[in-house]
Structure formats: C-alpha cells, structure tokens
Protein backbone atom coordinates (compact mmCIF):
# COMPACT_ATOMS: atom_id res chain seq x y z
CA ARG A 1 39.66 -19.96 11.68
CA ARG A 2 39.19 -22.23 14.69
CA LEU A 3 35.62 -21.06 15.27
CA ASN A 4 33.33 -22.68 17.82
CA VAL A 5 30.09 -23.88 16.28
CA TYR A 6 26.93 -24.37 18.35
CA ILE A 7 24.30 -26.63 16.82
CA GLU A 8 20.81 -27.34 18.09
CA LEU A 9 20.75 -30.67 19.89
CA SER A 10 18.09 -32.14 17.61
CA GLU A 11 20.29 -31.44 14.57
CA GLN A 12 23.60 -32.42 16.17
CA MET A 13 22.31 -35.91 16.92
CA HIS A 14 21.89 -36.56 13.17
CA LEU A 15 25.36 -35.44 12.11
CA PRO A 16 27.65 -38.38 11.15
CA PHE A 17 30.66 -37.51 13.33
CA ALA A 18 31.73 -41.16 13.48
CA THR A 19 31.75 -41.81 9.72
CA ASP A 20 32.53 -38.42 8.15
CA VAL A 21 36.28 -37.75 8.26
CA GLU A 22 35.99 -33.96 7.90
CA LEU A 23 33.33 -33.71 10.58
CA LYS A 24 35.32 -35.96 12.89
CA GLU A 25 38.32 -33.65 12.55
CA HIS A 26 36.31 -30.65 13.80
CA ALA A 27 34.08 -32.51 16.24
CA GLU A 28 35.75 -30.93 19.28
CA ARG A 29 34.58 -27.48 18.16
CA CYS A 30 30.98 -28.51 17.48
CA HIS A 31 28.87 -28.14 20.60
CA ALA A 32 25.22 -28.73 21.41
CA PHE A 33 23.46 -25.40 21.89
CA ASP A 34 22.17 -24.87 25.43
CA HIS A 35 19.08 -22.66 25.29
CA GLU A 36 19.69 -21.37 28.81
CA ASN A 37 23.46 -20.80 29.08
CA ASP A 38 24.88 -20.31 25.56
CA PHE A 39 23.09 -17.16 24.38
CA PHE A 40 25.95 -14.82 25.27
CA LYS A 41 28.47 -17.02 23.36
CA ILE A 42 26.81 -16.53 19.95
CA ASP A 43 28.23 -13.85 17.63
CA LEU A 44 26.65 -14.99 14.35
CA ILE A 45 23.66 -17.17 13.51
CA ILE A 46 23.75 -19.21 10.30
CA CYS A 47 20.24 -20.21 9.25
CA MET A 48 19.83 -22.93 6.61
CA GLY A 49 16.26 -23.52 5.50
CA GLY A 50 13.21 -21.50 4.56
CA ASP A 51 11.38 -18.59 6.10
CA GLY A 52 10.03 -20.86 8.84
CA THR A 53 13.57 -21.63 9.97
CA LEU A 54 14.24 -17.91 10.44
CA LEU A 55 11.01 -17.63 12.46
CA HIS A 56 12.28 -20.48 14.61
CA VAL A 57 15.51 -18.55 15.23
CA SER A 58 13.45 -15.54 16.29
CA SER A 59 11.48 -17.69 18.74
CA ILE A 60 14.72 -18.92 20.35
CA PHE A 61 16.31 -15.47 20.77
CA GLN A 62 13.46 -13.70 22.52
CA LYS A 63 15.67 -10.80 23.61
CA SER A 64 18.88 -9.58 21.99
CA CYS A 65 19.53 -11.44 18.73
CA PRO A 66 22.93 -11.71 16.96
CA PRO A 67 23.20 -11.04 13.20
CA VAL A 68 21.54 -13.74 11.10
CA LEU A 69 22.98 -15.10 7.84
CA SER A 70 20.17 -16.94 6.02
CA PHE A 71 20.74 -19.48 3.26
CA SER A 72 17.71 -20.38 1.17
CA MET A 73 17.15 -24.12 1.31
CA GLY A 74 13.35 -24.16 1.67
CA SER A 75 10.37 -23.80 -0.62
CA LEU A 76 9.93 -20.00 -0.65
CA GLY A 77 12.88 -18.12 0.84
CA PHE A 78 11.56 -14.55 0.89
CA LEU A 79 13.54 -13.84 4.07
CA THR A 80 16.54 -16.02 3.15
CA PRO A 81 18.39 -14.28 0.27
CA PHE A 82 21.64 -16.28 0.03
CA ASP A 83 22.39 -19.30 -2.16
CA PHE A 84 24.21 -22.10 -0.32
CA LYS A 85 26.32 -22.89 -3.40
CA TYR A 86 28.44 -19.84 -2.62
CA HIS A 87 28.55 -20.27 1.15
CA GLU A 88 32.37 -20.15 1.45
CA LYS A 89 32.66 -16.81 -0.36
CA ILE A 90 29.68 -15.40 1.53
CA LEU A 91 31.06 -16.45 4.93
CA ASN A 92 34.39 -14.80 4.13
CA GLU A 93 32.61 -11.56 3.25
CA VAL A 94 30.51 -11.69 6.42
CA ILE A 95 33.46 -12.36 8.72
CA ALA A 96 35.40 -9.57 7.04
CA GLY A 97 32.47 -7.22 7.75
CA ASN A 98 31.85 -6.29 4.11
CA VAL A 99 28.06 -6.68 4.29
CA ALA A 100 24.98 -4.57 4.98
CA VAL A 101 22.57 -5.38 7.81
CA LEU A 102 18.81 -4.86 7.91
CA LEU A 103 17.16 -4.52 11.33
CA ARG A 104 13.88 -6.39 11.12
CA THR A 105 11.38 -5.05 13.64
CA ARG A 106 9.65 -7.44 16.01
CA LEU A 107 6.42 -7.07 17.96
CA LYS A 108 6.08 -7.71 21.67
CA CYS A 109 2.71 -9.12 22.63
CA SER A 110 1.59 -9.65 26.22
CA ILE A 111 -1.52 -11.51 27.31
CA VAL A 112 -3.49 -9.90 30.14
CA LYS A 113 -6.33 -11.86 31.67
CA GLY A 114 -9.62 -10.17 32.45
CA LEU A 115 -10.17 -8.83 35.97
CA LYS A 116 -13.14 -11.11 36.54
CA ARG A 117 -11.16 -14.22 35.64
CA GLN A 118 -8.24 -13.11 37.81
CA SER A 119 -10.43 -12.53 40.87
CA SER A 120 -12.40 -15.75 40.38
CA SER A 121 -9.27 -17.83 39.88
CA SER A 122 -7.55 -16.37 42.93
CA ALA A 123 -10.70 -16.87 45.04
CA SER A 124 -11.00 -20.49 43.97
CA LEU A 125 -7.36 -21.09 44.75
CA LEU A 126 -7.74 -19.63 48.24
CA SER A 127 -10.86 -21.62 48.99
CA THR A 128 -9.55 -24.95 47.79
CA SER A 129 -6.06 -24.72 49.33
CA SER A 130 -5.75 -25.01 53.08
CA ASP A 131 -2.00 -25.01 53.35
CA ASP A 132 -0.25 -21.58 53.25
CA THR A 133 2.74 -22.80 51.27
CA THR A 134 0.45 -24.35 48.69
CA ASN A 135 -1.41 -21.05 48.38
CA GLU A 136 1.84 -19.17 47.71
CA GLU A 137 2.95 -21.62 45.04
CA THR A 138 -0.38 -21.60 43.24
CA ASN A 139 -0.60 -17.83 43.37
CA LYS A 140 2.92 -17.58 41.85
CA ASN A 141 1.91 -19.95 39.06
CA SER A 142 -1.27 -17.98 38.37
CA ASN A 143 0.72 -14.73 38.22
CA LYS A 144 3.10 -16.29 35.70
CA ASP A 145 0.15 -17.31 33.53
CA ASP A 146 -1.20 -13.75 33.67
CA LYS A 147 2.03 -12.31 32.23
CA ILE A 148 2.67 -14.40 29.14
CA SER A 149 4.62 -12.49 26.48
CA HIS A 150 6.20 -13.35 23.13
CA LEU A 151 8.18 -11.60 20.39
CA ALA A 152 6.85 -11.90 16.83
CA LEU A 153 8.95 -11.42 13.70
CA ASN A 154 6.04 -11.77 11.27
CA GLU A 155 2.69 -11.28 12.94
CA VAL A 156 0.39 -11.69 15.92
CA VAL A 157 -2.94 -13.27 14.98
CA ILE A 158 -6.12 -13.30 17.06
CA ASP A 159 -8.74 -15.46 15.36
CA ARG A 160 -11.80 -17.61 16.07
CA GLY A 161 -9.81 -20.84 16.08
CA PRO A 162 -11.98 -23.96 15.83
CA ASN A 163 -15.15 -22.03 16.74
CA SER A 164 -17.93 -21.69 14.17
CA TYR A 165 -19.04 -18.19 15.24
CA LEU A 166 -17.52 -14.86 14.25
CA SER A 167 -14.78 -13.57 16.50
CA ASN A 168 -15.81 -10.43 18.38
CA LEU A 169 -12.84 -8.23 19.29
CA ASP A 170 -12.43 -4.65 20.50
CA LEU A 171 -9.46 -2.72 19.10
CA TYR A 172 -7.79 0.08 21.09
CA ILE A 173 -4.85 2.33 20.16
CA ASN A 174 -3.13 4.04 23.10
CA ASP A 175 -6.16 3.15 25.30
CA ARG A 176 -8.56 4.80 22.86
CA PHE A 177 -11.32 2.64 21.42
CA ILE A 178 -11.00 2.49 17.62
CA THR A 179 -13.36 -0.15 16.29
CA LYS A 180 -14.97 -3.54 16.79
CA VAL A 181 -13.66 -6.45 14.74
CA GLN A 182 -16.28 -8.96 13.62
CA GLY A 183 -15.00 -11.63 11.29
CA ASP A 184 -12.55 -14.52 11.30
CA GLY A 185 -9.96 -12.52 13.23
CA LEU A 186 -7.30 -9.83 13.15
CA ILE A 187 -3.66 -9.74 12.03
CA VAL A 188 -1.17 -7.31 13.56
CA SER A 189 1.92 -7.52 11.39
CA THR A 190 5.45 -6.17 11.28
CA PRO A 191 6.73 -4.72 7.99
CA SER A 192 8.63 -8.00 7.46
CA GLY A 193 5.40 -9.93 8.00
CA SER A 194 3.43 -7.74 5.57
CA THR A 195 4.48 -10.10 2.75
CA ALA A 196 3.25 -13.17 4.66
CA TYR A 197 -0.21 -13.84 6.15
CA ALA A 198 -1.18 -10.15 5.99
CA MET A 199 -0.52 -10.02 2.24
CA ALA A 200 -2.68 -13.10 1.72
CA ALA A 201 -5.46 -11.36 3.66
CA GLY A 202 -5.33 -8.30 1.40
CA SER A 203 -2.90 -5.99 3.18
CA SER A 204 -0.34 -3.67 1.62
CA MET A 205 3.30 -4.71 1.48
CA VAL A 206 5.58 -2.54 3.62
CA HIS A 207 9.36 -2.30 3.37
CA PRO A 208 11.09 -3.63 6.53
CA ASN A 209 12.81 -0.27 7.09
CA VAL A 210 9.49 1.54 7.58
CA PRO A 211 8.73 2.00 11.32
CA ALA A 212 5.14 0.81 11.26
CA MET A 213 2.62 -1.86 12.19
CA VAL A 214 0.00 -3.28 9.85
CA ILE A 215 -3.54 -3.92 11.12
CA CYS A 216 -5.37 -6.31 8.81
CA PRO A 217 -8.76 -7.97 9.41
CA ILE A 218 -9.30 -11.58 8.38
CA CYS A 219 -12.51 -11.97 6.35
CA PRO A 220 -14.35 -9.09 8.07
CA HIS A 221 -18.15 -9.11 7.89
CA SER A 222 -18.06 -5.58 6.48
CA LEU A 223 -17.47 -4.11 3.04
CA SER A 224 -15.61 -1.07 4.41
CA PHE A 225 -13.12 -2.60 6.87
CA ARG A 226 -9.82 -2.16 5.04
CA PRO A 227 -6.26 -2.84 6.32
CA ILE A 228 -4.42 0.16 7.75
CA VAL A 229 -0.79 1.04 8.56
CA VAL A 230 -0.09 2.76 11.91
CA PRO A 231 3.10 4.20 13.46
CA ALA A 232 5.45 1.86 15.29
CA GLY A 233 5.50 3.82 18.55
CA ILE A 234 1.90 3.19 19.57
CA GLU A 235 0.41 0.51 21.81
CA LEU A 236 -2.34 -1.69 20.44
CA LYS A 237 -4.79 -3.51 22.65
CA VAL A 238 -7.06 -6.21 21.32
CA LYS A 239 -9.68 -7.31 23.83
CA VAL A 240 -12.19 -10.14 23.60
CA SER A 241 -15.59 -8.42 23.78
CA GLU A 242 -17.98 -8.98 26.66
CA ASP A 243 -20.79 -10.01 24.32
CA THR A 244 -18.72 -12.57 22.41
CA ARG A 245 -20.31 -15.99 22.04
CA LEU A 246 -17.16 -18.09 22.27
CA THR A 247 -13.45 -17.71 22.96
CA ALA A 248 -10.74 -16.41 20.64
CA TRP A 249 -7.28 -17.82 19.95
CA LEU A 250 -3.88 -16.15 19.77
CA SER A 251 -0.87 -17.29 17.75
CA VAL A 252 2.58 -15.74 17.32
CA ASP A 253 4.34 -16.44 14.02
CA GLY A 254 2.10 -19.46 13.56
CA ARG A 255 2.96 -21.02 16.94
CA ASN A 256 2.46 -20.49 20.69
CA ARG A 257 -1.33 -20.87 20.60
CA HIS A 258 -3.25 -19.45 23.57
CA GLU A 259 -6.98 -19.40 24.22
CA LEU A 260 -8.48 -16.01 25.09
CA HIS A 261 -11.68 -15.74 27.11
CA GLN A 262 -14.08 -12.86 27.68
CA GLN A 263 -12.33 -9.68 28.85
CA ASP A 264 -8.87 -11.13 28.12
CA SER A 265 -6.71 -8.72 26.17
CA VAL A 266 -3.50 -8.73 24.13
CA HIS A 267 -1.16 -5.72 24.34
CA ILE A 268 1.05 -5.29 21.27
CA THR A 269 3.96 -2.85 20.95
CA THR A 270 7.15 -2.58 18.91
CA SER A 271 9.92 -4.55 20.58
CA VAL A 272 13.31 -3.02 21.38
CA TYR A 273 14.94 -6.26 20.18
CA PRO A 274 14.99 -6.43 16.35
CA VAL A 275 16.47 -9.26 14.28
CA PRO A 276 19.62 -8.09 12.42
CA SER A 277 19.48 -9.77 9.01
CA ILE A 278 22.53 -9.74 6.75
CA CYS A 279 21.69 -8.42 3.27
CA ARG A 280 22.76 -9.96 0.00
CA PHE A 281 22.95 -6.61 -1.83
CA ASP A 282 21.56 -3.81 0.31
CA GLN A 283 18.45 -2.98 2.31
CA LEU A 284 16.41 -1.95 -0.74
CA GLY A 285 17.81 -4.31 -3.36
CA ASP A 286 17.09 -7.52 -1.46
CA TRP A 287 13.44 -6.61 -0.86
CA PHE A 288 12.59 -5.61 -4.43
CA GLU A 289 14.41 -8.62 -5.85
CA SER A 290 12.39 -10.91 -3.58
CA LEU A 291 9.18 -9.20 -4.69
CA ALA A 292 10.03 -9.74 -8.34
CA ASP A 293 11.64 -13.20 -8.25
CA ILE A 294 9.64 -14.92 -5.52
CA LEU A 295 6.24 -13.20 -5.40
CA HIS A 296 6.30 -12.20 -9.12
CA TRP A 297 5.17 -8.71 -8.23
CA ASN A 298 3.65 -6.77 -11.16
CA LEU A 299 4.31 -9.58 -13.61
CA ARG A 300 2.25 -8.76 -16.69
CA LYS A 301 2.31 -9.25 -20.43
CA ALA A 302 3.63 -6.10 -22.10
CA GLN A 303 1.11 -3.85 -23.83
CA GLY A 304 1.20 -3.84 -27.62
CA GLY A 305 1.93 -0.79 -29.74
CA LEU A 306 -0.64 1.43 -31.49
CA GLY A 307 -0.19 -0.45 -34.76
CA GLY A 308 -1.92 -3.45 -33.25
CA SER A 309 1.13 -5.70 -33.43
CA GLU A 310 2.50 -7.37 -30.38
CA SER A 311 5.83 -6.65 -28.74
CA PRO A 312 9.03 -7.10 -30.83
CA GLU A 313 10.21 -9.94 -28.63
CA ARG A 314 6.90 -11.70 -29.25
CA ASP A 315 7.19 -11.15 -33.03
CA VAL A 316 10.72 -12.56 -33.10
CA GLN A 317 9.58 -15.62 -31.17
CA LEU A 318 6.64 -16.16 -33.54
CA ASN A 319 8.92 -15.90 -36.60
CA GLU A 320 11.32 -18.44 -35.10
CA ASP A 321 8.43 -20.81 -34.35
CA GLN A 322 7.06 -20.49 -37.90
CA THR A 323 10.50 -21.14 -39.38
CA ASN A 324 10.93 -24.23 -37.23
CA ASP A 325 7.45 -25.49 -38.17
CA SER A 326 8.05 -25.02 -41.92
CA SER A 327 11.41 -26.78 -41.78
CA SER A 328 9.96 -29.71 -39.89
CA THR A 329 7.11 -29.95 -42.44
CA GLU A 330 9.56 -30.03 -45.36
CA THR A 331 11.59 -32.72 -43.62
CA THR A 332 8.46 -34.84 -43.12
CA GLN A 333 7.38 -34.46 -46.76
CA SER A 334 10.82 -35.41 -48.10
CA SER A 335 10.94 -38.46 -45.88
CA THR A 336 7.55 -39.64 -47.14
C-alpha cells in the first residue's frame, strides 16, 4: 500500500535495517516520529504491548488523538483486544473501514498553586532579581509552573506519597464543598480506568461508554466513605487542606508526579479529546469479554441440584477419573 510508517526514535534505533532484507526494502518509508512536527501526519496508531503502552500513547497525544489499533503483547491486555497472530487480516479490515470504534473518555487535570505560594514566590523573585529582563523571564517561568495540565486515560491520583501521615484533602464539585478526604489518597477515574487502580481500591466497574467519573478513596480512615460515580459534565476540585501536616502528591496514569503544598488544588474535568479505540467485536462485546477472560469476573463453581449431587459435568469428570484409576490399577496388578 506504500504507507508511511512513523516509529518512535527509541524503537527505531533497535530495528535491524542493515541485516533484515524485508526491513531494508521498506526502510525509506520508515521514519523517526518527531513529537513536535509529525502529529498532523498520523492517521492510525498501531500499539503493540500491554495496557501501559496504550497509556504511553495517550501521554504523547495530549490533544486530538487518531484511532488506535492495540495488539496484546503484554501481561494483562485489558485495553488491547487484538491478537498479533492475525495482524494482516486485522489491518486489512481496519484500512477498509469495517470496524467499530469506542471513544474512551479522558480527564483533564490542571494544577493551580495556592494564592499564598503565588504571592510569596513572586515577591521573592522581585526582591532577588535586580535586572528587569531577568524579572520578566522568571515571572514567565513561574506562570508556566502555575498552569501545569495533563490528560489522563485511566485516572488522576492524589495521595500521601512517601509521607507517613494521612493525606488531608478537600473535595469540591462545581465549587461546592462536598467532603474532606482523610486516608492514603483519592482516585478520580475515567470509565476506562474503573477496571484499573480504582477497581483494586474497591470501586465499581463502569463501561467506557458511560459519561461519568469515578471518585474512589484510597484506604479512607472511615467506615462509611464509599466510592461514588458522578456525571461527566461537572468540575472536580481537590485542594490540599490548610491544616494538613505534610504535602500531597499527584500522578496521572502512574506518571507525571507533582508535589502539592498547602492550598494547592487540582481541577479535574472531562476532556474534549477522547482516545478512539478500535474494537475487536463491538463496544459492548469487547468489554464483557475482557471482564470474563482477563479479570475472571463472576467466576464461580456452579451450584449443585436439590438432590445433593454435583453438576453433570462434574459427575462425568469423576466417572472418567474413576475409570482411569481402575484401569491403571488392573494394569499394575497384572504386571506384578
């Protein structure tokens, strides 16, 4: 098809273009991906790895993201439904357009520093810098630091980090105070991320098509603080409380760690830039198959009948085992 292929530089360096005849033939169409200038050239992303590889793709495309075709070559593969053994057939189907696409919601989180820290930092900068040009440069840098933002495909986590004390966070929804979080931290998850860290922390699993956000505490020091699901159109604000003993830490999809001080806050909303994921079957079938095959959802031994006997499949298996045992015993006796 004479397609141009863009490969991340770290991966392209390990490809054997010099020794592999087939690769050498197509080397002119394999380019190193430039993170600044090549975004508009990408029509399809092929992701080969596990769920972490797809999260890496999301971190690269922090605005509009092309459709993603994910091959499972990792350890879990909940978000990567395709088997690489059939990659040629799958690619033909994708290029022909005979596939379904699931729009996976992302969260936009922005870090806002507290007013006290902003005023103190700007005052210290003005007092220590005598040159006007230096003042302008430092003020620009401080403004950049005050407007850090990331897109999360799975979750935004605010936790206590390496500190030994409980994290102390204030939770607001649409500027209305909701509750105080005292525990190891708080998870704000997308529906796609509800089967990741949030699930491990006791949250409900939400289908990726549901327009929602999941708020899940991490080891709360309360018997009644349960995870909740809120609409996608709201704005969450998580602020480090004034009476907190130590700082808190922010992470986005397990990376991009930032330290949060007193009065610092994190604003979380639903992003307008989802990740279009190509489905193996359809939007419902992929999710339920992953629940059953990968997470073994509702896997349980079947209940026996009223007669007290076990299931027919179990009885058949027991009869086969007894027959095999008796035959092996007869063989042993005859040999002796």
